[in-house]
Amino acid sequence: MLSARQARASAEEQLAGERRLYQVGRSTTFILFQRENQLVNARNQELRAETDYNKALADLQRATSTTLRANNVIVETPVDTPFRD
């Protein structure tokens, strides 16, 4: 997940640099669009990595029966009360 985050940050920096080059006439729209596509792909990969991590964490909690504790859920045993008619 950290590497996906770093890849996204690098893609943002590359796009910013390419925009500066484009503004002074040292780049083309084609290259600028390539950088924008790379940024979109990097953002998608970062989101996928976060989703995969959260799914794995949920699976681990389910397998170890710690889901309720991890989410601060307390289940109290009800007090025995006689049934009323």
PDB file of N, CA and C in Angstrom:
ATOM      1  N   MET A   1       0.820  -1.174   0.000  1.00  0.00           N
ATOM      2  CA  MET A   1       0.000   0.000   0.000  1.00  0.00           C
ATOM      3  C   MET A   1       0.877   1.255   0.000  1.00  0.00           C
ATOM      4  N   LEU A   2       1.969   1.206   0.713  1.00  0.00           N
ATOM      5  CA  LEU A   2       2.855   2.371   0.756  1.00  0.00           C
ATOM      6  C   LEU A   2       3.503   2.637  -0.592  1.00  0.00           C
ATOM      7  N   SER A   3       3.848   1.568  -1.307  1.00  0.00           N
ATOM      8  CA  SER A   3       4.470   1.772  -2.614  1.00  0.00           C
ATOM      9  C   SER A   3       3.467   2.360  -3.602  1.00  0.00           C
ATOM     10  N   ALA A   4       2.194   1.970  -3.499  1.00  0.00           N
ATOM     11  CA  ALA A   4       1.159   2.539  -4.369  1.00  0.00           C
ATOM     12  C   ALA A   4       0.973   4.022  -4.054  1.00  0.00           C
ATOM     13  N   ARG A   5       1.026   4.366  -2.783  1.00  0.00           N
ATOM     14  CA  ARG A   5       0.899   5.771  -2.386  1.00  0.00           C
ATOM     15  C   ARG A   5       2.072   6.588  -2.936  1.00  0.00           C
ATOM     16  N   GLN A   6       3.265   6.017  -2.853  1.00  0.00           N
ATOM     17  CA  GLN A   6       4.453   6.713  -3.366  1.00  0.00           C
ATOM     18  C   GLN A   6       4.391   6.852  -4.886  1.00  0.00           C
ATOM     19  N   ALA A   7       3.895   5.828  -5.566  1.00  0.00           N
ATOM     20  CA  ALA A   7       3.754   5.884  -7.025  1.00  0.00           C
ATOM     21  C   ALA A   7       2.780   6.977  -7.428  1.00  0.00           C
ATOM     22  N   ARG A   8       1.685   7.115  -6.672  1.00  0.00           N
ATOM     23  CA  ARG A   8       0.721   8.172  -6.958  1.00  0.00           C
ATOM     24  C   ARG A   8       1.331   9.546  -6.746  1.00  0.00           C
ATOM     25  N   ALA A   9       2.083   9.710  -5.672  1.00  0.00           N
ATOM     26  CA  ALA A   9       2.735  10.989  -5.393  1.00  0.00           C
ATOM     27  C   ALA A   9       3.748  11.333  -6.497  1.00  0.00           C
ATOM     28  N   SER A  10       4.480  10.334  -6.950  1.00  0.00           N
ATOM     29  CA  SER A  10       5.444  10.562  -8.036  1.00  0.00           C
ATOM     30  C   SER A  10       4.738  10.950  -9.331  1.00  0.00           C
ATOM     31  N   ALA A  11       3.611  10.304  -9.611  1.00  0.00           N
ATOM     32  CA  ALA A  11       2.849  10.632 -10.821  1.00  0.00           C
ATOM     33  C   ALA A  11       2.310  12.056 -10.744  1.00  0.00           C
ATOM     34  N   GLU A  12       1.913  12.497  -9.555  1.00  0.00           N
ATOM     35  CA  GLU A  12       1.451  13.878  -9.393  1.00  0.00           C
ATOM     36  C   GLU A  12       2.582  14.861  -9.666  1.00  0.00           C
ATOM     37  N   GLU A  13       3.770  14.559  -9.154  1.00  0.00           N
ATOM     38  CA  GLU A  13       4.925  15.430  -9.385  1.00  0.00           C
ATOM     39  C   GLU A  13       5.296  15.478 -10.865  1.00  0.00           C
ATOM     40  N   GLN A  14       5.256  14.316 -11.514  1.00  0.00           N
ATOM     41  CA  GLN A  14       5.584  14.271 -12.940  1.00  0.00           C
ATOM     42  C   GLN A  14       4.585  15.078 -13.758  1.00  0.00           C
ATOM     43  N   LEU A  15       3.317  14.973 -13.421  1.00  0.00           N
ATOM     44  CA  LEU A  15       2.298  15.733 -14.135  1.00  0.00           C
ATOM     45  C   LEU A  15       2.494  17.232 -13.915  1.00  0.00           C
ATOM     46  N   ALA A  16       2.784  17.629 -12.693  1.00  0.00           N
ATOM     47  CA  ALA A  16       3.018  19.049 -12.406  1.00  0.00           C
ATOM     48  C   ALA A  16       4.215  19.574 -13.215  1.00  0.00           C
ATOM     49  N   GLY A  17       5.268  18.779 -13.272  1.00  0.00           N
ATOM     50  CA  GLY A  17       6.440  19.181 -14.050  1.00  0.00           C
ATOM     51  C   GLY A  17       6.128  19.255 -15.538  1.00  0.00           C
ATOM     52  N   GLU A  18       5.365  18.300 -16.021  1.00  0.00           N
ATOM     53  CA  GLU A  18       5.004  18.287 -17.448  1.00  0.00           C
ATOM     54  C   GLU A  18       4.117  19.476 -17.792  1.00  0.00           C
ATOM     55  N   ARG A  19       3.237  19.866 -16.878  1.00  0.00           N
ATOM     56  CA  ARG A  19       2.399  21.042 -17.101  1.00  0.00           C
ATOM     57  C   ARG A  19       3.245  22.304 -17.215  1.00  0.00           C
ATOM     58  N   ARG A  20       4.253  22.402 -16.359  1.00  0.00           N
ATOM     59  CA  ARG A  20       5.147  23.575 -16.442  1.00  0.00           C
ATOM     60  C   ARG A  20       5.867  23.597 -17.781  1.00  0.00           C
ATOM     61  N   LEU A  21       6.349  22.429 -18.205  1.00  0.00           N
ATOM     62  CA  LEU A  21       7.017  22.359 -19.514  1.00  0.00           C
ATOM     63  C   LEU A  21       6.062  22.725 -20.648  1.00  0.00           C
ATOM     64  N   TYR A  22       4.832  22.263 -20.549  1.00  0.00           N
ATOM     65  CA  TYR A  22       3.836  22.547 -21.581  1.00  0.00           C
ATOM     66  C   TYR A  22       3.532  24.047 -21.646  1.00  0.00           C
ATOM     67  N   GLN A  23       3.463  24.687 -20.486  1.00  0.00           N
ATOM     68  CA  GLN A  23       3.156  26.117 -20.435  1.00  0.00           C
ATOM     69  C   GLN A  23       4.236  26.969 -21.095  1.00  0.00           C
ATOM     70  N   VAL A  24       5.461  26.491 -21.067  1.00  0.00           N
ATOM     71  CA  VAL A  24       6.547  27.264 -21.696  1.00  0.00           C
ATOM     72  C   VAL A  24       6.874  26.738 -23.090  1.00  0.00           C
ATOM     73  N   GLY A  25       6.066  25.807 -23.579  1.00  0.00           N
ATOM     74  CA  GLY A  25       6.233  25.320 -24.942  1.00  0.00           C
ATOM     75  C   GLY A  25       7.269  24.235 -25.133  1.00  0.00           C
ATOM     76  N   ARG A  26       7.668  23.563 -24.078  1.00  0.00           N
ATOM     77  CA  ARG A  26       8.698  22.528 -24.186  1.00  0.00           C
ATOM     78  C   ARG A  26       8.136  21.116 -24.106  1.00  0.00           C
ATOM     79  N   SER A  27       6.804  20.998 -24.190  1.00  0.00           N
ATOM     80  CA  SER A  27       6.167  19.692 -24.165  1.00  0.00           C
ATOM     81  C   SER A  27       4.974  19.718 -25.115  1.00  0.00           C
ATOM     82  N   THR A  28       4.384  18.544 -25.321  1.00  0.00           N
ATOM     83  CA  THR A  28       3.248  18.448 -26.233  1.00  0.00           C
ATOM     84  C   THR A  28       2.009  18.002 -25.461  1.00  0.00           C
ATOM     85  N   THR A  29       0.849  18.189 -26.081  1.00  0.00           N
ATOM     86  CA  THR A  29      -0.388  17.736 -25.432  1.00  0.00           C
ATOM     87  C   THR A  29      -0.389  16.220 -25.297  1.00  0.00           C
ATOM     88  N   PHE A  30       0.210  15.530 -26.244  1.00  0.00           N
ATOM     89  CA  PHE A  30       0.264  14.072 -26.177  1.00  0.00           C
ATOM     90  C   PHE A  30       0.986  13.614 -24.912  1.00  0.00           C
ATOM     91  N   ILE A  31       2.137  14.193 -24.635  1.00  0.00           N
ATOM     92  CA  ILE A  31       2.903  13.812 -23.444  1.00  0.00           C
ATOM     93  C   ILE A  31       2.157  14.232 -22.181  1.00  0.00           C
ATOM     94  N   LEU A  32       1.525  15.400 -22.234  1.00  0.00           N
ATOM     95  CA  LEU A  32       0.749  15.861 -21.090  1.00  0.00           C
ATOM     96  C   LEU A  32      -0.389  14.883 -20.790  1.00  0.00           C
ATOM     97  N   PHE A  33      -1.093  14.428 -21.830  1.00  0.00           N
ATOM     98  CA  PHE A  33      -2.164  13.456 -21.644  1.00  0.00           C
ATOM     99  C   PHE A  33      -1.624  12.123 -21.125  1.00  0.00           C
ATOM    100  N   GLN A  34      -0.443  11.736 -21.561  1.00  0.00           N
ATOM    101  CA  GLN A  34       0.177  10.509 -21.049  1.00  0.00           C
ATOM    102  C   GLN A  34       0.412  10.615 -19.542  1.00  0.00           C
ATOM    103  N   ARG A  35       0.930  11.753 -19.111  1.00  0.00           N
ATOM    104  CA  ARG A  35       1.176  11.961 -17.677  1.00  0.00           C
ATOM    105  C   ARG A  35      -0.136  11.951 -16.892  1.00  0.00           C
ATOM    106  N   GLU A  36      -1.185  12.550 -17.473  1.00  0.00           N
ATOM    107  CA  GLU A  36      -2.486  12.543 -16.802  1.00  0.00           C
ATOM    108  C   GLU A  36      -3.020  11.116 -16.683  1.00  0.00           C
ATOM    109  N   ASN A  37      -2.865  10.330 -17.727  1.00  0.00           N
ATOM    110  CA  ASN A  37      -3.295   8.930 -17.678  1.00  0.00           C
ATOM    111  C   ASN A  37      -2.498   8.141 -16.652  1.00  0.00           C
ATOM    112  N   GLN A  38      -1.204   8.414 -16.572  1.00  0.00           N
ATOM    113  CA  GLN A  38      -0.377   7.733 -15.576  1.00  0.00           C
ATOM    114  C   GLN A  38      -0.838   8.067 -14.164  1.00  0.00           C
ATOM    115  N   LEU A  39      -1.232   9.320 -13.950  1.00  0.00           N
ATOM    116  CA  LEU A  39      -1.713   9.716 -12.634  1.00  0.00           C
ATOM    117  C   LEU A  39      -3.029   9.012 -12.313  1.00  0.00           C
ATOM    118  N   VAL A  40      -3.937   8.959 -13.267  1.00  0.00           N
ATOM    119  CA  VAL A  40      -5.214   8.267 -13.040  1.00  0.00           C
ATOM    120  C   VAL A  40      -4.963   6.799 -12.722  1.00  0.00           C
ATOM    121  N   ASN A  41      -4.069   6.169 -13.460  1.00  0.00           N
ATOM    122  CA  ASN A  41      -3.743   4.760 -13.205  1.00  0.00           C
ATOM    123  C   ASN A  41      -3.123   4.571 -11.821  1.00  0.00           C
ATOM    124  N   ALA A  42      -2.246   5.488 -11.434  1.00  0.00           N
ATOM    125  CA  ALA A  42      -1.610   5.400 -10.121  1.00  0.00           C
ATOM    126  C   ALA A  42      -2.641   5.573  -9.006  1.00  0.00           C
ATOM    127  N   ARG A  43      -3.589   6.479  -9.204  1.00  0.00           N
ATOM    128  CA  ARG A  43      -4.652   6.660  -8.207  1.00  0.00           C
ATOM    129  C   ARG A  43      -5.510   5.407  -8.097  1.00  0.00           C
ATOM    130  N   ASN A  44      -5.822   4.810  -9.238  1.00  0.00           N
ATOM    131  CA  ASN A  44      -6.606   3.566  -9.226  1.00  0.00           C
ATOM    132  C   ASN A  44      -5.859   2.447  -8.522  1.00  0.00           C
ATOM    133  N   GLN A  45      -4.560   2.338  -8.767  1.00  0.00           N
ATOM    134  CA  GLN A  45      -3.759   1.302  -8.111  1.00  0.00           C
ATOM    135  C   GLN A  45      -3.686   1.539  -6.605  1.00  0.00           C
ATOM    136  N   GLU A  46      -3.598   2.790  -6.205  1.00  0.00           N
ATOM    137  CA  GLU A  46      -3.568   3.105  -4.779  1.00  0.00           C
ATOM    138  C   GLU A  46      -4.894   2.720  -4.127  1.00  0.00           C
ATOM    139  N   LEU A  47      -5.981   3.053  -4.774  1.00  0.00           N
ATOM    140  CA  LEU A  47      -7.296   2.696  -4.246  1.00  0.00           C
ATOM    141  C   LEU A  47      -7.458   1.181  -4.164  1.00  0.00           C
ATOM    142  N   ARG A  48      -6.991   0.468  -5.187  1.00  0.00           N
ATOM    143  CA  ARG A  48      -7.057  -0.991  -5.187  1.00  0.00           C
ATOM    144  C   ARG A  48      -6.231  -1.565  -4.043  1.00  0.00           C
ATOM    145  N   ALA A  49      -5.051  -0.997  -3.808  1.00  0.00           N
ATOM    146  CA  ALA A  49      -4.191  -1.482  -2.721  1.00  0.00           C
ATOM    147  C   ALA A  49      -4.859  -1.267  -1.366  1.00  0.00           C
ATOM    148  N   GLU A  50      -5.488  -0.107  -1.165  1.00  0.00           N
ATOM    149  CA  GLU A  50      -6.183   0.157   0.090  1.00  0.00           C
ATOM    150  C   GLU A  50      -7.369  -0.798   0.265  1.00  0.00           C
ATOM    151  N   THR A  51      -8.102  -1.030  -0.817  1.00  0.00           N
ATOM    152  CA  THR A  51      -9.240  -1.939  -0.760  1.00  0.00           C
ATOM    153  C   THR A  51      -8.782  -3.356  -0.440  1.00  0.00           C
ATOM    154  N   ASP A  52      -7.738  -3.815  -1.117  1.00  0.00           N
ATOM    155  CA  ASP A  52      -7.204  -5.157  -0.863  1.00  0.00           C
ATOM    156  C   ASP A  52      -6.733  -5.298   0.584  1.00  0.00           C
ATOM    157  N   TYR A  53      -6.087  -4.260   1.095  1.00  0.00           N
ATOM    158  CA  TYR A  53      -5.613  -4.284   2.486  1.00  0.00           C
ATOM    159  C   TYR A  53      -6.791  -4.403   3.445  1.00  0.00           C
ATOM    160  N   ASN A  54      -7.818  -3.585   3.236  1.00  0.00           N
ATOM    161  CA  ASN A  54      -8.979  -3.621   4.124  1.00  0.00           C
ATOM    162  C   ASN A  54      -9.713  -4.954   4.053  1.00  0.00           C
ATOM    163  N   LYS A  55      -9.797  -5.542   2.862  1.00  0.00           N
ATOM    164  CA  LYS A  55     -10.424  -6.855   2.736  1.00  0.00           C
ATOM    165  C   LYS A  55      -9.608  -7.919   3.466  1.00  0.00           C
ATOM    166  N   ALA A  56      -8.301  -7.857   3.336  1.00  0.00           N
ATOM    167  CA  ALA A  56      -7.434  -8.826   4.020  1.00  0.00           C
ATOM    168  C   ALA A  56      -7.544  -8.668   5.531  1.00  0.00           C
ATOM    169  N   LEU A  57      -7.616  -7.431   5.995  1.00  0.00           N
ATOM    170  CA  LEU A  57      -7.752  -7.182   7.426  1.00  0.00           C
ATOM    171  C   LEU A  57      -9.084  -7.726   7.946  1.00  0.00           C
ATOM    172  N   ALA A  58     -10.152  -7.510   7.187  1.00  0.00           N
ATOM    173  CA  ALA A  58     -11.461  -8.041   7.584  1.00  0.00           C
ATOM    174  C   ALA A  58     -11.448  -9.564   7.597  1.00  0.00           C
ATOM    175  N   ASP A  59     -10.804 -10.174   6.612  1.00  0.00           N
ATOM    176  CA  ASP A  59     -10.697 -11.635   6.584  1.00  0.00           C
ATOM    177  C   ASP A  59      -9.916 -12.159   7.787  1.00  0.00           C
ATOM    178  N   LEU A  60      -8.846 -11.461   8.139  1.00  0.00           N
ATOM    179  CA  LEU A  60      -8.055 -11.857   9.305  1.00  0.00           C
ATOM    180  C   LEU A  60      -8.883 -11.751  10.583  1.00  0.00           C
ATOM    181  N   GLN A  61      -9.609 -10.642  10.724  1.00  0.00           N
ATOM    182  CA  GLN A  61     -10.441 -10.470  11.914  1.00  0.00           C
ATOM    183  C   GLN A  61     -11.528 -11.539  11.977  1.00  0.00           C
ATOM    184  N   ARG A  62     -12.097 -11.875  10.842  1.00  0.00           N
ATOM    185  CA  ARG A  62     -13.125 -12.915  10.819  1.00  0.00           C
ATOM    186  C   ARG A  62     -12.523 -14.264  11.208  1.00  0.00           C
ATOM    187  N   ALA A  63     -11.340 -14.569  10.682  1.00  0.00           N
ATOM    188  CA  ALA A  63     -10.705 -15.854  10.955  1.00  0.00           C
ATOM    189  C   ALA A  63     -10.265 -15.981  12.413  1.00  0.00           C
ATOM    190  N   THR A  64      -9.899 -14.863  13.020  1.00  0.00           N
ATOM    191  CA  THR A  64      -9.430 -14.904  14.408  1.00  0.00           C
ATOM    192  C   THR A  64     -10.511 -14.484  15.395  1.00  0.00           C
ATOM    193  N   SER A  65     -11.724 -14.288  14.910  1.00  0.00           N
ATOM    194  CA  SER A  65     -12.871 -13.902  15.744  1.00  0.00           C
ATOM    195  C   SER A  65     -12.611 -12.636  16.543  1.00  0.00           C
ATOM    196  N   THR A  66     -12.001 -11.653  15.917  1.00  0.00           N
ATOM    197  CA  THR A  66     -11.706 -10.384  16.604  1.00  0.00           C
ATOM    198  C   THR A  66     -12.427  -9.201  15.972  1.00  0.00           C
ATOM    199  N   THR A  67     -13.393  -9.469  15.096  1.00  0.00           N
ATOM    200  CA  THR A  67     -14.072  -8.380  14.395  1.00  0.00           C
ATOM    201  C   THR A  67     -14.780  -7.433  15.350  1.00  0.00           C
ATOM    202  N   LEU A  68     -15.537  -7.988  16.297  1.00  0.00           N
ATOM    203  CA  LEU A  68     -16.270  -7.135  17.229  1.00  0.00           C
ATOM    204  C   LEU A  68     -15.320  -6.326  18.106  1.00  0.00           C
ATOM    205  N   ARG A  69     -14.293  -6.972  18.625  1.00  0.00           N
ATOM    206  CA  ARG A  69     -13.336  -6.274  19.477  1.00  0.00           C
ATOM    207  C   ARG A  69     -12.599  -5.185  18.704  1.00  0.00           C
ATOM    208  N   ALA A  70     -12.233  -5.462  17.461  1.00  0.00           N
ATOM    209  CA  ALA A  70     -11.507  -4.478  16.651  1.00  0.00           C
ATOM    210  C   ALA A  70     -12.355  -3.251  16.351  1.00  0.00           C
ATOM    211  N   ASN A  71     -13.676  -3.424  16.370  1.00  0.00           N
ATOM    212  CA  ASN A  71     -14.585  -2.310  16.087  1.00  0.00           C
ATOM    213  C   ASN A  71     -15.256  -1.776  17.348  1.00  0.00           C
ATOM    214  N   ASN A  72     -14.678  -2.142  18.503  1.00  0.00           N
ATOM    215  CA  ASN A  72     -15.155  -1.664  19.806  1.00  0.00           C
ATOM    216  C   ASN A  72     -16.631  -1.963  20.044  1.00  0.00           C
ATOM    217  N   VAL A  73     -17.056  -3.169  19.691  1.00  0.00           N
ATOM    218  CA  VAL A  73     -18.427  -3.599  19.926  1.00  0.00           C
ATOM    219  C   VAL A  73     -18.433  -4.489  21.157  1.00  0.00           C
ATOM    220  N   ILE A  74     -19.296  -4.151  22.106  1.00  0.00           N
ATOM    221  CA  ILE A  74     -19.407  -4.924  23.337  1.00  0.00           C
ATOM    222  C   ILE A  74     -20.779  -5.586  23.347  1.00  0.00           C
ATOM    223  N   VAL A  75     -20.776  -6.880  23.501  1.00  0.00           N
ATOM    224  CA  VAL A  75     -22.022  -7.636  23.580  1.00  0.00           C
ATOM    225  C   VAL A  75     -22.166  -8.114  25.009  1.00  0.00           C
ATOM    226  N   GLU A  76     -23.215  -7.644  25.644  1.00  0.00           N
ATOM    227  CA  GLU A  76     -23.441  -8.023  27.032  1.00  0.00           C
ATOM    228  C   GLU A  76     -24.421  -9.181  27.090  1.00  0.00           C
ATOM    229  N   THR A  77     -24.210 -10.043  28.049  1.00  0.00           N
ATOM    230  CA  THR A  77     -25.119 -11.155  28.264  1.00  0.00           C
ATOM    231  C   THR A  77     -26.370 -10.631  28.940  1.00  0.00           C
ATOM    232  N   PRO A  78     -27.533 -10.955  28.411  1.00  0.00           N
ATOM    233  CA  PRO A  78     -28.759 -10.437  29.034  1.00  0.00           C
ATOM    234  C   PRO A  78     -28.982 -11.071  30.412  1.00  0.00           C
ATOM    235  N   VAL A  79     -29.595 -10.315  31.262  1.00  0.00           N
ATOM    236  CA  VAL A  79     -29.919 -10.787  32.604  1.00  0.00           C
ATOM    237  C   VAL A  79     -31.116 -11.708  32.475  1.00  0.00           C
ATOM    238  N   ASP A  80     -31.032 -12.844  33.145  1.00  0.00           N
ATOM    239  CA  ASP A  80     -32.174 -13.777  33.097  1.00  0.00           C
ATOM    240  C   ASP A  80     -33.376 -13.154  33.784  1.00  0.00           C
ATOM    241  N   THR A  81     -34.458 -13.075  33.067  1.00  0.00           N
ATOM    242  CA  THR A  81     -35.701 -12.575  33.642  1.00  0.00           C
ATOM    243  C   THR A  81     -36.790 -13.611  33.394  1.00  0.00           C
ATOM    244  N   PRO A  82     -37.692 -13.742  34.323  1.00  0.00           N
ATOM    245  CA  PRO A  82     -38.774 -14.725  34.116  1.00  0.00           C
ATOM    246  C   PRO A  82     -39.701 -14.240  33.001  1.00  0.00           C
ATOM    247  N   PHE A  83     -40.250 -15.192  32.297  1.00  0.00           N
ATOM    248  CA  PHE A  83     -41.183 -14.853  31.225  1.00  0.00           C
ATOM    249  C   PHE A  83     -42.500 -14.408  31.842  1.00  0.00           C
ATOM    250  N   ARG A  84     -43.087 -13.439  31.185  1.00  0.00           N
ATOM    251  CA  ARG A  84     -44.394 -12.959  31.659  1.00  0.00           C
ATOM    252  C   ARG A  84     -45.442 -13.374  30.650  1.00  0.00           C
ATOM    253  N   ASP A  85     -46.584 -13.729  31.155  1.00  0.00           N
ATOM    254  CA  ASP A  85     -47.704 -14.097  30.276  1.00  0.00           C
ATOM    255  C   ASP A  85     -48.647 -12.955  30.082  1.00  0.00           C
TER     256      ASP A  85
END
